[in-house]
C-alpha atoms as a PDB file:
ATOM      1  CA  MET A   1     -53.418  66.703  65.672  1.00  0.00           C
ATOM      2  CA  ILE A   2     -51.893  63.401  64.603  1.00  0.00           C
ATOM      3  CA  ARG A   3     -50.245  61.458  67.417  1.00  0.00           C
ATOM      4  CA  LEU A   4     -47.025  59.606  66.829  1.00  0.00           C
ATOM      5  CA  PRO A   5     -47.245  55.853  67.329  1.00  0.00           C
ATOM      6  CA  GLU A   6     -45.968  54.507  70.629  1.00  0.00           C
ATOM      7  CA  CYS A   7     -43.328  51.854  71.157  1.00  0.00           C
ATOM      8  CA  PRO A   8     -45.111  48.666  72.288  1.00  0.00           C
ATOM      9  CA  ILE A   9     -42.376  47.992  74.879  1.00  0.00           C
ATOM     10  CA  CYS A  10     -41.706  51.348  76.605  1.00  0.00           C
ATOM     11  CA  GLN A  11     -44.608  53.475  75.266  1.00  0.00           C
ATOM     12  CA  LYS A  12     -42.294  56.288  74.084  1.00  0.00           C
ATOM     13  CA  ALA A  13     -43.375  58.121  70.954  1.00  0.00           C
ATOM     14  CA  VAL A  14     -41.768  56.646  67.851  1.00  0.00           C
ATOM     15  CA  ALA A  15     -40.671  59.353  65.453  1.00  0.00           C
ATOM     16  CA  PRO A  16     -41.018  58.757  61.717  1.00  0.00           C
ATOM     17  CA  ALA A  17     -37.858  57.220  60.312  1.00  0.00           C
ATOM     18  CA  THR A  18     -35.790  59.483  58.106  1.00  0.00           C
ATOM     19  CA  ASP A  19     -32.893  57.047  57.787  1.00  0.00           C
ATOM     20  CA  PRO A  20     -34.038  53.541  56.759  1.00  0.00           C
ATOM     21  CA  ALA A  21     -30.813  52.047  58.144  1.00  0.00           C
ATOM     22  CA  SER A  22     -31.712  53.101  61.693  1.00  0.00           C
ATOM     23  CA  ASN A  23     -35.395  52.218  61.499  1.00  0.00           C
ATOM     24  CA  TYR A  24     -36.569  50.006  64.348  1.00  0.00           C
ATOM     25  CA  ALA A  25     -40.296  50.460  63.662  1.00  0.00           C
ATOM     26  CA  PRO A  26     -42.602  49.846  65.383  1.00  0.00           C
ATOM     27  CA  PHE A  27     -40.086  50.113  68.241  1.00  0.00           C
ATOM     28  CA  CYS A  28     -38.187  53.210  69.373  1.00  0.00           C
ATOM     29  CA  SER A  29     -34.786  51.554  69.636  1.00  0.00           C
ATOM     30  CA  ARG A  30     -32.777  48.431  69.050  1.00  0.00           C
ATOM     31  CA  ARG A  31     -33.115  47.595  72.745  1.00  0.00           C
ATOM     32  CA  CYS A  32     -36.924  47.551  72.609  1.00  0.00           C
ATOM     33  CA  LYS A  33     -36.833  45.495  69.419  1.00  0.00           C
ATOM     34  CA  GLU A  34     -34.599  42.911  71.110  1.00  0.00           C
ATOM     35  CA  VAL A  35     -36.752  42.865  74.271  1.00  0.00           C
ATOM     36  CA  ASP A  36     -39.731  42.003  72.069  1.00  0.00           C
ATOM     37  CA  LEU A  37     -37.771  39.228  70.319  1.00  0.00           C
ATOM     38  CA  ILE A  38     -36.738  37.755  73.675  1.00  0.00           C
ATOM     39  CA  ARG A  39     -40.360  37.787  74.834  1.00  0.00           C
ATOM     40  CA  TRP A  40     -41.389  35.874  71.694  1.00  0.00           C
ATOM     41  CA  CYS A  41     -38.587  33.351  72.201  1.00  0.00           C
ATOM     42  CA  GLU A  42     -39.572  32.800  75.834  1.00  0.00           C
ATOM     43  CA  GLY A  43     -43.173  32.134  74.807  1.00  0.00           C
ATOM     44  CA  ARG A  44     -44.640  35.146  76.604  1.00  0.00           C
ATOM     45  CA  TYR A  45     -46.816  36.006  73.628  1.00  0.00           C
ATOM     46  CA  ALA A  46     -49.508  33.551  72.625  1.00  0.00           C
ATOM     47  CA  ILE A  47     -52.565  33.246  70.440  1.00  0.00           C
ATOM     48  CA  VAL A  48     -55.402  32.845  72.911  1.00  0.00           C
ATOM     49  CA  GLU A  49     -58.120  31.865  70.451  1.00  0.00           C
ATOM     50  CA  LYS A  50     -58.659  28.127  70.091  1.00  0.00           C
ATOM     51  CA  LEU A  51     -58.005  26.812  66.606  1.00  0.00           C
ATOM     52  CA  ASP A  52     -61.112  25.265  65.109  1.00  0.00           C
ATOM     53  CA  PRO A  53     -60.399  23.077  62.038  1.00  0.00           C
ATOM     54  CA  ALA A  54     -63.906  23.628  60.615  1.00  0.00           C
ATOM     55  CA  ARG A  55     -63.517  27.403  60.864  1.00  0.00           C
ATOM     56  CA  GLN A  56     -60.088  27.240  59.244  1.00  0.00           C
ATOM     57  CA  LEU A  57     -61.546  25.307  56.314  1.00  0.00           C
ATOM     58  CA  GLU A  58     -64.332  27.872  55.934  1.00  0.00           C
ATOM     59  CA  GLU A  59     -61.855  30.755  55.968  1.00  0.00           C
ATOM     60  CA  LEU A  60     -59.616  28.970  53.499  1.00  0.00           C
ATOM     61  CA  ALA A  61     -62.555  28.277  51.180  1.00  0.00           C
ATOM     62  CA  SER A  62     -63.792  31.876  51.366  1.00  0.00           C
ATOM     63  CA  GLY A  63     -60.278  33.126  50.631  1.00  0.00           C
ATOM     64  CA  GLN A  64     -60.020  30.875  47.599  1.00  0.00           C
ATOM     65  CA  ASP A  65     -63.447  32.056  46.387  1.00  0.00           C
ATOM     66  CA  ALA A  66     -62.253  35.666  46.578  1.00  0.00           C
ATOM     67  CA  GLU A  67     -59.079  34.774  44.642  1.00  0.00           C
ATOM     68  CA  LEU A  68     -61.139  33.061  41.924  1.00  0.00           C
ATOM     69  CA  GLU A  69     -63.417  36.096  41.636  1.00  0.00           C
ATOM     70  CA  ASP A  70     -60.373  38.368  41.295  1.00  0.00           C
ATOM     71  CA  GLU A  71     -58.931  36.141  38.568  1.00  0.00           C
ATOM     72  CA  LEU A  72     -62.217  36.137  36.655  1.00  0.00           C
ATOM     73  CA  LEU A  73     -62.470  39.929  36.846  1.00  0.00           C
ATOM     74  CA  THR A  74     -58.899  40.456  35.618  1.00  0.00           C
ATOM     75  CA  ASP A  75     -59.333  37.997  32.716  1.00  0.00           C
ATOM     76  CA  GLU A  76     -62.211  40.031  31.226  1.00  0.00           C
END
């Protein structure tokens, strides 16, 4: 059986949206969506991994290599 996703704020099951105008995904309601926004604004969420400039350059270079390979494949 497939489980419905849970709201990250209150852990209620989030039903699939049938009306795009009332879609608060991945949250169950407007309230939970606003609680999450407030938490971001207060700085409660943070990236805990230290940023390493050398690693960033490696990731950037590998990403560019993949883009170049894609361009070469589509040109053929």
